[in-house]
Amino acid sequence: MRPLISANEEPFEQHYEIEEEVGSGQFATVRRVRNRATGERFAAKFIRKRRYPTSRRGVLKSHIQREVDILQTVAGHDSIIQLIDLFENGHEMILVLELICGGELFDYVYTNEYLTENEAAQFIYQILRAIKHLHKLQIAHLDIKPENILLKESGKAKIKLIDFGLSRQLPPKSCIREMVGTPEFVAPEIINSEPLQLATDIWAIGVVTFILGASPFLGKTREKTFANISAVNYKFPEHLCSNFSLIVKDFIGRMLVRDVNKRATIDDCLEHEWIKMKPSPNRSPCPNRSPLNEGY
């Protein structure tokens, strides 16, 4: 087990040179940084702390610490981003993370327009392995989406799961009800204010699998999207129907189940025929690509 990382209160720039911004959110900015002692480059997530409990600006320190604790708990898995260092000053906490240079899975899919089933299975298998690691520790990610899945190297089918800001420890019999996640990927139990479950992640993986060919629940409005999810109202669009083989449809259908007790478990997913047929993720994606059902 790795030693726990405690917050360093020395000036951040005494240890790291801050370089360009690589991403930003409502209360956080991610910048490339260089370790002054070793020359190594990392990604630093600067999270603005909430100054007062009643303020809406910034993030509660307890919530940032929860993200740090979860990152340290899940450390060591090859498909999960690693926390390297931690700093804190009067207005922010800074998480120094490994730098992942291959870009988002979202951008990869957008650029290539579609994936072969071999490529999709490689990505989904790695996501499932990462989530199995979390679930063994009773942790749910709760924000699985293509933007939170990065490629280790450009053009390589090896991934890293990132962004544990919404993750929760969910021990047995826990009863946490929260509206968390990204609308298009949230499970029915979240929308219906039912307790969060480890199975909530399985639903999101089902949506990610589907979205490699088409988005299943996206409506013209947020409300329509939520209505589609609550009703489990999805179908394989006619113009993309040939993009999905029967085996992939079966895989997705076992995850997009309204009843969490009937939804596939992480082990069910890993044992599914489609996942077990996958090729090695060490290969580069095939340059001569065909739509999703090629070879199935």
Protein backbone atom coordinates (compact mmCIF):
# COMPACT_ATOMS: atom_id res chain seq x y z
CA MET A 1 0.00 0.00 0.00
CA ARG A 2 1.32 3.42 -0.93
CA PRO A 3 2.06 5.91 1.89
CA LEU A 4 -0.66 8.52 2.34
CA ILE A 5 0.01 11.97 0.91
CA SER A 6 -0.56 14.91 3.25
CA ALA A 7 -1.01 18.51 2.12
CA ASN A 8 2.17 20.56 1.72
CA GLU A 9 1.64 24.17 2.80
CA GLU A 10 4.85 25.48 1.24
CA PRO A 11 4.44 27.75 -1.82
CA PHE A 12 3.51 25.55 -4.78
CA GLU A 13 5.78 27.42 -7.20
CA GLN A 14 8.73 26.66 -4.94
CA HIS A 15 8.40 23.04 -6.09
CA TYR A 16 6.68 23.27 -9.49
CA GLU A 17 6.85 25.56 -12.49
CA ILE A 18 3.34 26.30 -13.78
CA GLU A 19 2.86 25.93 -17.54
CA GLU A 20 -0.15 26.06 -19.86
CA GLU A 21 -3.79 25.39 -18.97
CA VAL A 22 -5.08 22.05 -20.23
CA GLY A 23 -8.63 22.11 -18.85
CA SER A 24 -11.06 23.97 -16.61
CA GLY A 25 -14.38 23.60 -14.80
CA GLN A 26 -16.60 25.77 -12.64
CA PHE A 27 -14.25 25.87 -9.65
CA ALA A 28 -11.14 24.08 -10.90
CA THR A 29 -8.40 24.63 -13.45
CA VAL A 30 -5.95 21.99 -14.66
CA ARG A 31 -2.51 23.13 -15.77
CA ARG A 32 0.59 21.34 -16.95
CA VAL A 33 3.40 21.75 -14.39
CA ARG A 34 7.08 20.80 -14.22
CA ASN A 35 8.77 19.53 -11.09
CA ARG A 36 11.71 21.88 -10.51
CA ALA A 37 13.87 19.19 -8.90
CA THR A 38 13.38 16.36 -11.40
CA GLY A 39 12.12 18.08 -14.56
CA GLU A 40 9.15 15.67 -14.72
CA ARG A 41 5.86 17.04 -15.98
CA PHE A 42 2.50 16.49 -14.30
CA ALA A 43 -1.06 17.81 -14.38
CA ALA A 44 -1.99 20.06 -11.45
CA LYS A 45 -5.67 20.51 -10.56
CA PHE A 46 -6.18 23.85 -8.81
CA ILE A 47 -9.47 23.69 -6.86
CA ARG A 48 -10.85 26.87 -5.34
CA LYS A 49 -11.92 26.36 -1.71
CA ARG A 50 -15.23 27.72 -0.48
CA ARG A 51 -14.45 30.54 1.94
CA TYR A 52 -17.70 30.31 3.90
CA PRO A 53 -20.10 27.34 4.34
CA THR A 54 -22.99 29.44 3.01
CA SER A 55 -21.08 30.64 -0.06
CA ARG A 56 -21.80 29.16 -3.49
CA ARG A 57 -18.36 30.00 -4.83
CA GLY A 58 -15.75 27.30 -4.56
CA VAL A 59 -15.79 23.74 -3.23
CA LEU A 60 -16.11 22.73 0.41
CA LYS A 61 -12.74 21.62 1.74
CA SER A 62 -14.36 18.41 3.02
CA HIS A 63 -15.46 17.59 -0.55
CA ILE A 64 -11.96 18.19 -1.92
CA GLN A 65 -10.52 16.03 0.85
CA ARG A 66 -13.02 13.30 -0.05
CA GLU A 67 -11.68 13.31 -3.63
CA VAL A 68 -8.11 13.13 -2.31
CA ASP A 69 -8.97 10.27 0.05
CA ILE A 70 -10.63 8.30 -2.74
CA LEU A 71 -7.69 8.85 -5.10
CA GLN A 72 -5.36 7.51 -2.42
CA THR A 73 -7.65 4.55 -1.70
CA VAL A 74 -7.82 3.46 -5.36
CA ALA A 75 -4.14 4.16 -6.12
CA GLY A 76 -2.04 1.64 -7.99
CA HIS A 77 -4.45 0.48 -10.70
CA ASP A 78 -3.03 0.83 -14.23
CA SER A 79 -6.27 2.28 -15.65
CA ILE A 80 -6.84 4.89 -12.92
CA ILE A 81 -5.13 8.29 -12.71
CA GLN A 82 -2.55 8.54 -9.92
CA LEU A 83 -2.26 11.28 -7.30
CA ILE A 84 1.39 12.36 -7.00
CA ASP A 85 1.43 15.32 -4.61
CA LEU A 86 -0.89 17.65 -2.69
CA PHE A 87 -0.61 21.33 -1.76
CA GLU A 88 -2.88 23.72 0.12
CA ASN A 89 -2.90 27.47 0.61
CA GLY A 90 -5.45 29.98 1.87
CA HIS A 91 -7.72 29.89 -1.16
CA GLU A 92 -7.15 26.59 -2.97
CA MET A 93 -6.02 22.99 -2.84
CA ILE A 94 -3.74 21.72 -5.59
CA LEU A 95 -3.77 18.07 -6.61
CA VAL A 96 -0.69 17.05 -8.59
CA LEU A 97 -1.66 14.15 -10.86
CA GLU A 98 0.11 12.07 -13.46
CA LEU A 99 0.09 13.74 -16.87
CA ILE A 100 -1.86 11.78 -19.49
CA CYS A 101 -1.13 12.94 -23.03
CA GLY A 102 -3.37 10.91 -25.35
CA GLY A 103 -6.48 13.09 -25.19
CA GLU A 104 -10.09 12.28 -24.30
CA LEU A 105 -11.91 9.20 -25.52
CA PHE A 106 -14.68 11.66 -26.43
CA ASP A 107 -12.37 13.47 -28.86
CA TYR A 108 -11.07 10.19 -30.25
CA VAL A 109 -14.61 9.00 -31.02
CA TYR A 110 -15.61 12.40 -32.43
CA THR A 111 -12.55 12.56 -34.69
CA ASN A 112 -12.97 9.02 -36.00
CA GLU A 113 -16.81 9.21 -36.24
CA TYR A 114 -17.21 5.58 -35.18
CA LEU A 115 -15.29 2.69 -33.64
CA THR A 116 -15.00 -0.91 -34.71
CA GLU A 117 -16.46 -3.37 -32.21
CA ASN A 118 -12.90 -4.54 -31.50
CA GLU A 119 -11.86 -1.01 -30.54
CA ALA A 120 -15.01 -0.44 -28.49
CA ALA A 121 -14.55 -3.74 -26.62
CA GLN A 122 -10.92 -2.84 -25.80
CA PHE A 123 -11.99 0.47 -24.26
CA ILE A 124 -15.00 -0.93 -22.39
CA TYR A 125 -12.99 -3.85 -20.97
CA GLN A 126 -10.46 -1.45 -19.46
CA ILE A 127 -13.23 0.75 -18.03
CA LEU A 128 -14.85 -2.33 -16.48
CA ARG A 129 -11.53 -3.39 -14.91
CA ALA A 130 -11.07 0.06 -13.39
CA ILE A 131 -14.61 0.12 -12.04
CA LYS A 132 -14.26 -3.40 -10.63
CA HIS A 133 -11.27 -2.11 -8.65
CA LEU A 134 -13.42 0.74 -7.29
CA HIS A 135 -16.39 -1.48 -6.48
CA LYS A 136 -14.20 -3.96 -4.56
CA LEU A 137 -13.38 -0.97 -2.33
CA GLN A 138 -17.10 -0.01 -2.11
CA ILE A 139 -16.48 3.16 -4.15
CA ALA A 140 -18.73 4.39 -6.96
CA HIS A 141 -17.27 6.78 -9.54
CA LEU A 142 -20.64 8.40 -10.40
CA ASP A 143 -19.40 10.45 -13.36
CA ILE A 144 -18.38 7.93 -16.00
CA LYS A 145 -18.47 9.56 -19.44
CA PRO A 146 -16.13 9.74 -22.46
CA GLU A 147 -14.70 13.09 -21.29
CA ASN A 148 -13.48 11.41 -18.09
CA ILE A 149 -11.70 8.62 -19.95
CA LEU A 150 -8.30 9.62 -21.32
CA LEU A 151 -5.98 7.77 -23.67
CA LYS A 152 -2.54 7.10 -22.21
CA GLU A 153 -0.96 7.85 -25.58
CA SER A 154 -2.40 9.34 -28.75
CA GLY A 155 -3.67 6.61 -31.06
CA LYS A 156 -3.22 3.85 -28.47
CA ALA A 157 -6.21 1.93 -27.08
CA LYS A 158 -5.11 2.11 -23.44
CA ILE A 159 -7.09 4.32 -21.07
CA LYS A 160 -7.02 6.10 -17.72
CA LEU A 161 -10.15 6.89 -15.73
CA ILE A 162 -10.04 10.41 -14.27
CA ASP A 163 -12.06 12.93 -12.20
CA PHE A 164 -13.13 11.49 -8.87
CA GLY A 165 -14.72 14.73 -7.69
CA LEU A 166 -18.21 13.18 -7.52
CA SER A 167 -17.13 9.73 -6.30
CA ARG A 168 -18.56 8.31 -3.09
CA GLN A 169 -17.76 5.54 -0.67
CA LEU A 170 -20.93 3.41 -0.58
CA PRO A 171 -20.64 0.77 2.16
CA PRO A 172 -23.41 -1.84 2.45
CA LYS A 173 -26.77 -0.39 3.60
CA SER A 174 -25.61 3.17 2.87
CA CYS A 175 -28.47 5.49 1.93
CA ILE A 176 -27.02 8.48 0.10
CA ARG A 177 -29.45 10.37 -2.12
CA GLU A 178 -27.85 13.01 -4.32
CA MET A 179 -28.29 14.46 -7.79
CA VAL A 180 -24.80 13.80 -9.14
CA GLY A 181 -23.33 13.20 -12.56
CA THR A 182 -23.83 14.44 -16.11
CA PRO A 183 -27.49 14.43 -17.27
CA GLU A 184 -27.02 12.19 -20.31
CA PHE A 185 -25.23 9.51 -18.26
CA VAL A 186 -27.11 9.47 -14.93
CA ALA A 187 -29.09 6.39 -13.93
CA PRO A 188 -32.84 6.35 -13.13
CA GLU A 189 -32.20 5.96 -9.38
CA ILE A 190 -30.42 9.34 -9.34
CA ILE A 191 -33.23 11.14 -11.14
CA ASN A 192 -35.83 9.50 -8.88
CA SER A 193 -33.95 10.47 -5.68
CA GLU A 194 -33.34 6.85 -4.74
CA PRO A 195 -30.16 5.78 -2.90
CA LEU A 196 -26.93 5.78 -4.89
CA GLN A 197 -25.63 2.31 -5.72
CA LEU A 198 -22.46 0.78 -7.08
CA ALA A 199 -24.77 -0.36 -9.89
CA THR A 200 -25.21 3.31 -10.84
CA ASP A 201 -21.80 3.06 -12.55
CA ILE A 202 -22.97 0.06 -14.60
CA TRP A 203 -25.75 2.14 -16.16
CA ALA A 204 -23.24 4.82 -17.15
CA ILE A 205 -20.94 2.23 -18.76
CA GLY A 206 -23.94 1.02 -20.75
CA VAL A 207 -24.51 4.56 -22.00
CA VAL A 208 -20.81 4.96 -22.85
CA THR A 209 -20.90 1.69 -24.82
CA PHE A 210 -23.96 2.90 -26.71
CA ILE A 211 -22.53 6.37 -27.29
CA LEU A 212 -19.58 4.90 -29.16
CA GLY A 213 -22.15 4.51 -31.94
CA ALA A 214 -25.01 6.85 -30.93
CA SER A 215 -26.35 8.61 -27.80
CA PRO A 216 -29.26 6.61 -26.35
CA PHE A 217 -31.11 9.05 -24.10
CA LEU A 218 -30.16 12.55 -25.24
CA GLY A 219 -33.28 14.67 -25.68
CA LYS A 220 -33.77 18.17 -27.01
CA THR A 221 -33.93 19.45 -23.42
CA ARG A 222 -32.51 18.38 -20.05
CA GLU A 223 -36.05 17.47 -18.96
CA LYS A 224 -36.59 15.27 -22.04
CA THR A 225 -33.25 13.55 -21.43
CA PHE A 226 -34.26 12.79 -17.82
CA ALA A 227 -37.69 11.58 -18.96
CA ASN A 228 -36.06 9.20 -21.45
CA ILE A 229 -33.78 7.83 -18.73
CA SER A 230 -36.57 7.38 -16.16
CA ALA A 231 -38.64 5.46 -18.71
CA VAL A 232 -35.58 3.56 -20.01
CA ASN A 233 -36.72 4.92 -23.35
CA TYR A 234 -33.98 4.04 -25.79
CA LYS A 235 -33.75 2.27 -29.10
CA PHE A 236 -31.02 1.61 -31.62
CA PRO A 237 -31.58 4.32 -34.29
CA GLU A 238 -32.50 2.90 -37.69
CA HIS A 239 -29.74 4.77 -39.52
CA LEU A 240 -27.19 3.33 -37.06
CA CYS A 241 -28.82 -0.03 -36.46
CA SER A 242 -26.19 -1.80 -38.58
CA ASN A 243 -23.53 -0.31 -36.28
CA PHE A 244 -24.57 -2.68 -33.48
CA SER A 245 -24.28 -6.46 -33.66
CA LEU A 246 -26.72 -8.61 -31.67
CA ILE A 247 -24.02 -9.43 -29.12
CA VAL A 248 -23.37 -5.72 -28.43
CA LYS A 249 -27.10 -5.03 -28.17
CA ASP A 250 -27.36 -7.81 -25.60
CA PHE A 251 -24.40 -6.39 -23.64
CA ILE A 252 -25.92 -2.90 -23.55
CA GLY A 253 -29.40 -4.19 -22.76
CA ARG A 254 -28.17 -6.00 -19.64
CA MET A 255 -26.78 -2.72 -18.25
CA LEU A 256 -29.57 -0.30 -19.17
CA VAL A 257 -32.05 -1.90 -16.77
CA ARG A 258 -34.27 0.26 -14.57
CA ASP A 259 -34.22 -2.12 -11.57
CA VAL A 260 -30.75 -1.98 -9.98
CA ASN A 261 -31.24 -5.50 -8.61
CA LYS A 262 -31.72 -6.87 -12.14
CA ARG A 263 -28.98 -4.77 -13.73
CA ALA A 264 -25.79 -6.63 -14.69
CA THR A 265 -23.03 -6.59 -12.09
CA ILE A 266 -19.46 -5.66 -12.91
CA ASP A 267 -18.53 -9.37 -12.98
CA ASP A 268 -21.48 -10.13 -15.27
CA CYS A 269 -20.16 -7.50 -17.68
CA LEU A 270 -16.60 -8.83 -17.60
CA GLU A 271 -17.87 -12.35 -18.27
CA HIS A 272 -20.08 -11.28 -21.19
CA GLU A 273 -19.27 -12.96 -24.49
CA TRP A 274 -18.60 -9.65 -26.27
CA ILE A 275 -16.00 -8.55 -23.72
CA LYS A 276 -14.31 -11.96 -23.64
CA MET A 277 -13.90 -11.84 -27.43
CA LYS A 278 -11.92 -8.59 -27.31
CA PRO A 279 -8.38 -8.36 -28.79
CA SER A 280 -5.40 -7.11 -26.81
CA PRO A 281 -5.49 -3.37 -25.89
CA ASN A 282 -1.73 -3.17 -26.51
CA ARG A 283 -2.32 -2.91 -30.26
CA SER A 284 -2.87 0.42 -31.94
CA PRO A 285 -6.37 0.95 -33.34
CA CYS A 286 -6.60 -0.49 -36.85
CA PRO A 287 -6.14 2.20 -39.53
CA ASN A 288 -8.48 0.45 -42.00
CA ARG A 289 -11.59 0.79 -39.88
CA SER A 290 -15.13 -0.42 -40.56
CA PRO A 291 -18.36 0.27 -38.62
CA LEU A 292 -19.03 -1.26 -35.22
CA ASN A 293 -20.34 -4.65 -36.30
CA GLU A 294 -17.29 -5.58 -38.39
CA GLY A 295 -16.35 -9.18 -37.67
CA TYR A 296 -19.37 -10.03 -35.47
